[in-house]
Amino acid sequence: MLNTLLTPNVVQILPACDDWRHAITLSCKPLLDNGSIEPTYVEAIYRSHEAIGPYYVVGPGIAMPHARPEDGVNQLAVSLTLIRDGVVFHSEGNDPVHLLIVLAATDSNSHIDIISQLAQLFDTPDDVAALINATEVEQVLSVISRY
């Protein structure tokens, strides 16, 4: 499932960004552009971050920004953004974040397989390193194709 959702039009490699908010904006842009999410979804991620902190930073260098389905999800979707220089999310022990995987789920079950595949990926240090060091979208997709 991850392989079918992560296509070249939702994978991006960027040199840098200003801050965590800019990183969220950039990482959500492909899903806004293809109609998978509404601007309200991005705003919900900001609000949650401001209320409870960077809840979506899942490990060193990795964040999975997301909000609730009712916050503006039109279809199940995932995007992957690599920020070469990394960005500080103020998540102790996990900064800087280089890899942002935005997850937009339409309900509480549709994304379970994706989460499982991502967990396997995050549990494979060599593949995480390959993603973080990728310079071409094709390199990212090659790693993803194994899951």
N, C-alpha and C. Protein backbone atom coordinates (compact mmCIF):
# COMPACT_ATOMS: atom_id res chain seq x y z
N MET A 1 0.82 -1.20 0.00
CA MET A 1 0.00 0.00 0.00
C MET A 1 0.87 1.26 0.00
N LEU A 2 1.92 1.27 0.81
CA LEU A 2 2.82 2.42 0.86
C LEU A 2 3.40 2.70 -0.52
N ASN A 3 3.75 1.61 -1.19
CA ASN A 3 4.33 1.69 -2.53
C ASN A 3 3.39 2.34 -3.54
N THR A 4 2.09 2.12 -3.40
CA THR A 4 1.14 2.69 -4.35
C THR A 4 0.79 4.14 -4.02
N LEU A 5 0.90 4.51 -2.75
CA LEU A 5 0.56 5.89 -2.36
C LEU A 5 1.74 6.85 -2.49
N LEU A 6 2.95 6.36 -2.26
CA LEU A 6 4.14 7.22 -2.38
C LEU A 6 4.65 7.17 -3.81
N THR A 7 4.19 8.12 -4.60
CA THR A 7 4.55 8.24 -6.01
C THR A 7 5.41 9.49 -6.19
N PRO A 8 6.05 9.64 -7.34
CA PRO A 8 6.95 10.79 -7.53
C PRO A 8 6.30 12.16 -7.25
N ASN A 9 5.01 12.28 -7.48
CA ASN A 9 4.37 13.59 -7.29
C ASN A 9 4.13 13.95 -5.83
N VAL A 10 4.35 13.02 -4.90
CA VAL A 10 4.19 13.33 -3.47
C VAL A 10 5.48 13.12 -2.67
N VAL A 11 6.58 12.94 -3.39
CA VAL A 11 7.90 12.80 -2.76
C VAL A 11 8.73 14.01 -3.18
N GLN A 12 9.34 14.66 -2.21
CA GLN A 12 10.17 15.82 -2.54
C GLN A 12 11.43 15.86 -1.68
N ILE A 13 12.49 16.36 -2.28
CA ILE A 13 13.76 16.54 -1.58
C ILE A 13 14.06 18.03 -1.63
N LEU A 14 14.17 18.63 -0.45
CA LEU A 14 14.37 20.07 -0.35
C LEU A 14 15.66 20.36 0.41
N PRO A 15 16.36 21.43 0.06
CA PRO A 15 17.62 21.72 0.74
C PRO A 15 17.46 22.14 2.20
N ALA A 16 16.46 22.98 2.48
CA ALA A 16 16.31 23.51 3.84
C ALA A 16 14.92 24.13 3.98
N CYS A 17 14.60 24.52 5.21
CA CYS A 17 13.37 25.27 5.47
C CYS A 17 13.61 26.14 6.70
N ASP A 18 12.68 27.04 6.96
CA ASP A 18 12.87 28.04 8.02
C ASP A 18 12.69 27.49 9.42
N ASP A 19 11.63 26.71 9.64
CA ASP A 19 11.30 26.22 10.98
C ASP A 19 10.29 25.08 10.85
N TRP A 20 9.83 24.56 12.00
CA TRP A 20 8.91 23.41 11.98
C TRP A 20 7.63 23.74 11.23
N ARG A 21 7.12 24.96 11.38
CA ARG A 21 5.88 25.34 10.71
C ARG A 21 6.06 25.33 9.19
N HIS A 22 7.19 25.86 8.73
CA HIS A 22 7.49 25.86 7.30
C HIS A 22 7.65 24.43 6.79
N ALA A 23 8.28 23.57 7.60
CA ALA A 23 8.44 22.17 7.22
C ALA A 23 7.09 21.48 7.04
N ILE A 24 6.14 21.77 7.93
CA ILE A 24 4.79 21.20 7.81
C ILE A 24 4.13 21.70 6.53
N THR A 25 4.22 23.01 6.30
CA THR A 25 3.62 23.60 5.10
C THR A 25 4.16 22.93 3.85
N LEU A 26 5.48 22.82 3.76
CA LEU A 26 6.11 22.22 2.58
C LEU A 26 5.73 20.76 2.42
N SER A 27 5.71 20.02 3.52
CA SER A 27 5.44 18.59 3.42
C SER A 27 3.97 18.30 3.10
N CYS A 28 3.07 19.21 3.44
CA CYS A 28 1.65 19.02 3.12
C CYS A 28 1.29 19.49 1.72
N LYS A 29 2.13 20.32 1.11
CA LYS A 29 1.81 20.92 -0.18
C LYS A 29 1.42 19.90 -1.27
N PRO A 30 2.16 18.80 -1.44
CA PRO A 30 1.74 17.85 -2.49
C PRO A 30 0.33 17.30 -2.28
N LEU A 31 -0.06 17.11 -1.02
CA LEU A 31 -1.40 16.57 -0.74
C LEU A 31 -2.48 17.63 -0.90
N LEU A 32 -2.13 18.88 -0.65
CA LEU A 32 -3.06 19.98 -0.95
C LEU A 32 -3.22 20.11 -2.47
N ASP A 33 -2.10 20.04 -3.18
CA ASP A 33 -2.11 20.20 -4.63
C ASP A 33 -2.94 19.13 -5.33
N ASN A 34 -2.90 17.89 -4.81
CA ASN A 34 -3.66 16.82 -5.48
C ASN A 34 -5.06 16.63 -4.90
N GLY A 35 -5.45 17.48 -3.96
CA GLY A 35 -6.81 17.45 -3.42
C GLY A 35 -7.05 16.42 -2.33
N SER A 36 -5.99 15.77 -1.86
CA SER A 36 -6.16 14.75 -0.81
C SER A 36 -6.55 15.36 0.53
N ILE A 37 -6.05 16.56 0.80
CA ILE A 37 -6.37 17.25 2.05
C ILE A 37 -6.79 18.69 1.75
N GLU A 38 -7.43 19.28 2.74
CA GLU A 38 -7.84 20.69 2.69
C GLU A 38 -6.88 21.51 3.55
N PRO A 39 -6.84 22.82 3.35
CA PRO A 39 -6.00 23.67 4.21
C PRO A 39 -6.31 23.52 5.70
N THR A 40 -7.53 23.16 6.03
CA THR A 40 -7.89 22.97 7.44
C THR A 40 -7.09 21.85 8.09
N TYR A 41 -6.64 20.87 7.30
CA TYR A 41 -5.84 19.77 7.82
C TYR A 41 -4.49 20.28 8.31
N VAL A 42 -3.87 21.14 7.52
CA VAL A 42 -2.59 21.73 7.89
C VAL A 42 -2.76 22.58 9.15
N GLU A 43 -3.81 23.36 9.19
CA GLU A 43 -4.08 24.21 10.35
C GLU A 43 -4.28 23.36 11.61
N ALA A 44 -4.92 22.21 11.46
CA ALA A 44 -5.14 21.32 12.61
C ALA A 44 -3.82 20.77 13.14
N ILE A 45 -2.88 20.48 12.25
CA ILE A 45 -1.56 20.02 12.69
C ILE A 45 -0.87 21.13 13.49
N TYR A 46 -0.93 22.35 12.98
CA TYR A 46 -0.34 23.49 13.72
C TYR A 46 -0.96 23.62 15.11
N ARG A 47 -2.29 23.60 15.16
CA ARG A 47 -2.98 23.77 16.45
C ARG A 47 -2.58 22.69 17.45
N SER A 48 -2.54 21.45 16.99
CA SER A 48 -2.17 20.35 17.88
C SER A 48 -0.73 20.50 18.36
N HIS A 49 0.15 20.88 17.46
CA HIS A 49 1.56 21.08 17.84
C HIS A 49 1.66 22.16 18.91
N GLU A 50 0.95 23.26 18.70
CA GLU A 50 1.00 24.36 19.66
C GLU A 50 0.40 23.97 21.01
N ALA A 51 -0.60 23.10 20.99
CA ALA A 51 -1.27 22.68 22.23
C ALA A 51 -0.47 21.64 23.01
N ILE A 52 0.09 20.65 22.30
CA ILE A 52 0.72 19.53 23.01
C ILE A 52 2.16 19.26 22.59
N GLY A 53 2.71 20.08 21.71
CA GLY A 53 4.09 19.88 21.28
C GLY A 53 4.18 18.99 20.05
N PRO A 54 5.39 18.61 19.68
CA PRO A 54 5.62 17.85 18.45
C PRO A 54 5.29 16.36 18.62
N TYR A 55 4.01 16.07 18.82
CA TYR A 55 3.52 14.71 19.07
C TYR A 55 3.82 13.75 17.93
N TYR A 56 4.08 14.26 16.76
CA TYR A 56 4.25 13.44 15.56
C TYR A 56 5.71 13.14 15.24
N VAL A 57 6.65 13.62 16.06
CA VAL A 57 8.06 13.25 15.87
C VAL A 57 8.22 11.87 16.50
N VAL A 58 8.48 10.87 15.65
CA VAL A 58 8.40 9.48 16.09
C VAL A 58 9.75 8.85 16.42
N GLY A 59 10.82 9.56 16.11
CA GLY A 59 12.14 9.03 16.40
C GLY A 59 13.19 10.00 15.89
N PRO A 60 14.45 9.69 16.11
CA PRO A 60 15.51 10.59 15.66
C PRO A 60 15.42 10.87 14.16
N GLY A 61 15.23 12.15 13.84
CA GLY A 61 15.21 12.57 12.45
C GLY A 61 13.93 12.33 11.69
N ILE A 62 12.90 11.77 12.34
CA ILE A 62 11.68 11.35 11.62
C ILE A 62 10.43 11.94 12.25
N ALA A 63 9.59 12.55 11.41
CA ALA A 63 8.30 13.08 11.87
C ALA A 63 7.19 12.58 10.96
N MET A 64 6.04 12.33 11.56
CA MET A 64 4.84 11.92 10.80
C MET A 64 3.69 12.87 11.13
N PRO A 65 3.72 14.08 10.58
CA PRO A 65 2.65 15.03 10.86
C PRO A 65 1.30 14.49 10.39
N HIS A 66 0.30 14.64 11.25
CA HIS A 66 -1.04 14.17 10.91
C HIS A 66 -2.04 14.85 11.83
N ALA A 67 -3.29 14.79 11.41
CA ALA A 67 -4.40 15.28 12.23
C ALA A 67 -5.53 14.27 12.08
N ARG A 68 -6.70 14.63 12.53
CA ARG A 68 -7.84 13.71 12.49
C ARG A 68 -8.51 13.73 11.11
N PRO A 69 -9.14 12.63 10.72
CA PRO A 69 -9.80 12.58 9.41
C PRO A 69 -10.78 13.73 9.18
N GLU A 70 -11.52 14.08 10.21
CA GLU A 70 -12.54 15.13 10.07
C GLU A 70 -11.94 16.53 9.95
N ASP A 71 -10.62 16.64 10.08
CA ASP A 71 -9.96 17.94 9.97
C ASP A 71 -9.67 18.34 8.53
N GLY A 72 -10.13 17.55 7.57
CA GLY A 72 -9.97 17.95 6.18
C GLY A 72 -9.31 16.94 5.27
N VAL A 73 -9.56 15.65 5.51
CA VAL A 73 -9.02 14.60 4.64
C VAL A 73 -10.08 14.23 3.60
N ASN A 74 -9.70 14.28 2.33
CA ASN A 74 -10.60 13.90 1.25
C ASN A 74 -10.38 12.48 0.77
N GLN A 75 -9.15 11.99 0.90
CA GLN A 75 -8.84 10.61 0.52
C GLN A 75 -7.57 10.17 1.23
N LEU A 76 -7.43 8.87 1.42
CA LEU A 76 -6.24 8.31 2.04
C LEU A 76 -5.02 8.72 1.23
N ALA A 77 -4.03 9.30 1.90
CA ALA A 77 -2.86 9.78 1.17
C ALA A 77 -1.65 9.87 2.09
N VAL A 78 -0.48 9.83 1.46
CA VAL A 78 0.80 9.95 2.17
C VAL A 78 1.72 10.80 1.30
N SER A 79 2.52 11.64 1.94
CA SER A 79 3.59 12.33 1.22
C SER A 79 4.88 12.15 2.02
N LEU A 80 5.99 12.26 1.32
CA LEU A 80 7.30 12.14 1.97
C LEU A 80 8.15 13.32 1.54
N THR A 81 8.67 14.02 2.53
CA THR A 81 9.54 15.17 2.27
C THR A 81 10.85 14.96 3.01
N LEU A 82 11.94 15.09 2.29
CA LEU A 82 13.27 15.03 2.87
C LEU A 82 13.82 16.45 2.89
N ILE A 83 14.19 16.92 4.07
CA ILE A 83 14.80 18.24 4.21
C ILE A 83 16.27 18.01 4.53
N ARG A 84 17.11 18.24 3.55
CA ARG A 84 18.53 17.90 3.63
C ARG A 84 19.21 18.45 4.90
N ASP A 85 19.00 19.74 5.19
CA ASP A 85 19.67 20.34 6.34
C ASP A 85 19.00 20.01 7.67
N GLY A 86 17.81 19.46 7.62
CA GLY A 86 17.08 19.16 8.84
C GLY A 86 16.44 20.40 9.43
N VAL A 87 15.53 20.18 10.35
CA VAL A 87 14.81 21.28 10.99
C VAL A 87 14.55 20.92 12.45
N VAL A 88 14.61 21.91 13.31
CA VAL A 88 14.39 21.70 14.74
C VAL A 88 12.90 21.74 15.04
N PHE A 89 12.41 20.67 15.67
CA PHE A 89 11.01 20.60 16.09
C PHE A 89 10.89 20.72 17.61
N HIS A 90 12.01 20.88 18.29
CA HIS A 90 12.03 20.94 19.76
C HIS A 90 11.52 19.64 20.37
N SER A 91 11.98 18.54 19.76
CA SER A 91 11.67 17.20 20.25
C SER A 91 12.99 16.62 20.77
N GLU A 92 13.14 16.64 22.07
CA GLU A 92 14.40 16.25 22.70
C GLU A 92 14.86 14.87 22.24
N GLY A 93 16.09 14.81 21.78
CA GLY A 93 16.67 13.54 21.35
C GLY A 93 16.34 13.17 19.91
N ASN A 94 15.47 13.92 19.26
CA ASN A 94 15.04 13.57 17.90
C ASN A 94 15.40 14.62 16.85
N ASP A 95 15.84 15.79 17.30
CA ASP A 95 16.20 16.86 16.37
C ASP A 95 17.63 16.67 15.87
N PRO A 96 17.94 17.12 14.67
CA PRO A 96 17.04 17.72 13.71
C PRO A 96 16.24 16.66 12.95
N VAL A 97 15.06 17.05 12.51
CA VAL A 97 14.21 16.17 11.71
C VAL A 97 14.56 16.38 10.24
N HIS A 98 14.80 15.29 9.54
CA HIS A 98 15.10 15.33 8.10
C HIS A 98 13.96 14.77 7.27
N LEU A 99 13.24 13.82 7.82
CA LEU A 99 12.24 13.07 7.06
C LEU A 99 10.86 13.35 7.63
N LEU A 100 9.97 13.90 6.78
CA LEU A 100 8.59 14.15 7.18
C LEU A 100 7.67 13.32 6.30
N ILE A 101 6.87 12.48 6.94
CA ILE A 101 5.91 11.66 6.22
C ILE A 101 4.53 12.08 6.70
N VAL A 102 3.81 12.81 5.84
CA VAL A 102 2.47 13.27 6.19
C VAL A 102 1.50 12.14 5.90
N LEU A 103 0.70 11.82 6.89
CA LEU A 103 -0.31 10.78 6.76
C LEU A 103 -1.69 11.41 6.86
N ALA A 104 -2.51 11.17 5.86
CA ALA A 104 -3.89 11.66 5.86
C ALA A 104 -4.80 10.45 5.73
N ALA A 105 -5.48 10.12 6.81
CA ALA A 105 -6.36 8.94 6.83
C ALA A 105 -7.82 9.39 6.83
N THR A 106 -8.65 8.61 6.16
CA THR A 106 -10.08 8.95 6.05
C THR A 106 -10.89 8.42 7.21
N ASP A 107 -10.31 7.50 7.98
CA ASP A 107 -11.01 6.93 9.14
C ASP A 107 -9.96 6.34 10.08
N SER A 108 -10.41 5.64 11.10
CA SER A 108 -9.45 5.14 12.09
C SER A 108 -8.80 3.82 11.70
N ASN A 109 -9.16 3.24 10.56
CA ASN A 109 -8.61 1.95 10.17
C ASN A 109 -7.84 1.94 8.85
N SER A 110 -8.15 2.85 7.95
CA SER A 110 -7.62 2.78 6.59
C SER A 110 -6.10 2.88 6.51
N HIS A 111 -5.48 3.41 7.53
CA HIS A 111 -4.04 3.65 7.47
C HIS A 111 -3.21 2.63 8.25
N ILE A 112 -3.85 1.62 8.81
CA ILE A 112 -3.14 0.64 9.66
C ILE A 112 -2.02 -0.06 8.89
N ASP A 113 -2.28 -0.49 7.66
CA ASP A 113 -1.25 -1.16 6.86
C ASP A 113 -0.07 -0.23 6.59
N ILE A 114 -0.37 1.04 6.33
CA ILE A 114 0.69 2.01 6.06
C ILE A 114 1.56 2.18 7.29
N ILE A 115 0.93 2.31 8.46
CA ILE A 115 1.68 2.46 9.71
C ILE A 115 2.58 1.24 9.93
N SER A 116 2.06 0.06 9.65
CA SER A 116 2.83 -1.17 9.82
C SER A 116 4.05 -1.17 8.90
N GLN A 117 3.85 -0.79 7.64
CA GLN A 117 4.97 -0.75 6.70
C GLN A 117 6.00 0.31 7.10
N LEU A 118 5.52 1.45 7.55
CA LEU A 118 6.44 2.50 8.00
C LEU A 118 7.22 2.05 9.24
N ALA A 119 6.57 1.33 10.14
CA ALA A 119 7.26 0.83 11.34
C ALA A 119 8.40 -0.11 10.94
N GLN A 120 8.14 -0.98 9.96
CA GLN A 120 9.20 -1.87 9.47
C GLN A 120 10.35 -1.06 8.88
N LEU A 121 10.01 -0.04 8.11
CA LEU A 121 11.03 0.82 7.52
C LEU A 121 11.85 1.52 8.60
N PHE A 122 11.16 2.13 9.58
CA PHE A 122 11.85 2.87 10.64
C PHE A 122 12.71 1.95 11.49
N ASP A 123 12.40 0.66 11.48
CA ASP A 123 13.15 -0.33 12.24
C ASP A 123 14.37 -0.85 11.49
N THR A 124 14.59 -0.32 10.29
CA THR A 124 15.71 -0.75 9.45
C THR A 124 16.66 0.43 9.26
N PRO A 125 17.66 0.55 10.15
CA PRO A 125 18.55 1.72 10.14
C PRO A 125 19.20 2.02 8.79
N ASP A 126 19.58 0.98 8.06
CA ASP A 126 20.23 1.20 6.76
C ASP A 126 19.28 1.88 5.77
N ASP A 127 18.01 1.49 5.80
CA ASP A 127 17.04 2.10 4.88
C ASP A 127 16.69 3.52 5.30
N VAL A 128 16.60 3.76 6.60
CA VAL A 128 16.36 5.13 7.08
C VAL A 128 17.53 6.02 6.64
N ALA A 129 18.75 5.53 6.81
CA ALA A 129 19.93 6.30 6.39
C ALA A 129 19.91 6.54 4.88
N ALA A 130 19.50 5.53 4.12
CA ALA A 130 19.43 5.69 2.66
C ALA A 130 18.42 6.77 2.28
N LEU A 131 17.30 6.82 2.99
CA LEU A 131 16.32 7.88 2.72
C LEU A 131 16.88 9.25 3.05
N ILE A 132 17.47 9.37 4.23
CA ILE A 132 17.99 10.66 4.68
C ILE A 132 19.13 11.16 3.79
N ASN A 133 19.88 10.23 3.21
CA ASN A 133 21.01 10.60 2.35
C ASN A 133 20.66 10.67 0.87
N ALA A 134 19.41 10.39 0.53
CA ALA A 134 18.99 10.40 -0.88
C ALA A 134 19.17 11.78 -1.49
N THR A 135 19.55 11.79 -2.75
CA THR A 135 19.67 13.05 -3.49
C THR A 135 18.68 13.12 -4.65
N GLU A 136 18.05 12.00 -4.96
CA GLU A 136 17.08 11.92 -6.06
C GLU A 136 15.82 11.23 -5.57
N VAL A 137 14.69 11.66 -6.09
CA VAL A 137 13.40 11.05 -5.73
C VAL A 137 13.41 9.55 -6.04
N GLU A 138 14.07 9.16 -7.12
CA GLU A 138 14.13 7.75 -7.50
C GLU A 138 14.80 6.91 -6.42
N GLN A 139 15.79 7.48 -5.73
CA GLN A 139 16.45 6.76 -4.64
C GLN A 139 15.47 6.53 -3.49
N VAL A 140 14.67 7.53 -3.19
CA VAL A 140 13.65 7.39 -2.14
C VAL A 140 12.67 6.30 -2.52
N LEU A 141 12.18 6.34 -3.75
CA LEU A 141 11.19 5.36 -4.19
C LEU A 141 11.77 3.95 -4.22
N SER A 142 13.05 3.83 -4.50
CA SER A 142 13.70 2.52 -4.50
C SER A 142 13.67 1.91 -3.10
N VAL A 143 13.94 2.71 -2.08
CA VAL A 143 13.88 2.22 -0.70
C VAL A 143 12.44 1.85 -0.35
N ILE A 144 11.50 2.72 -0.67
CA ILE A 144 10.09 2.49 -0.34
C ILE A 144 9.56 1.22 -1.01
N SER A 145 10.06 0.91 -2.19
CA SER A 145 9.57 -0.25 -2.94
C SER A 145 9.81 -1.57 -2.20
N ARG A 146 10.68 -1.57 -1.20
CA ARG A 146 10.96 -2.79 -0.43
C ARG A 146 9.92 -3.04 0.65
N TYR A 147 8.98 -2.14 0.82
CA TYR A 147 8.01 -2.26 1.92
C TYR A 147 6.59 -2.35 1.42
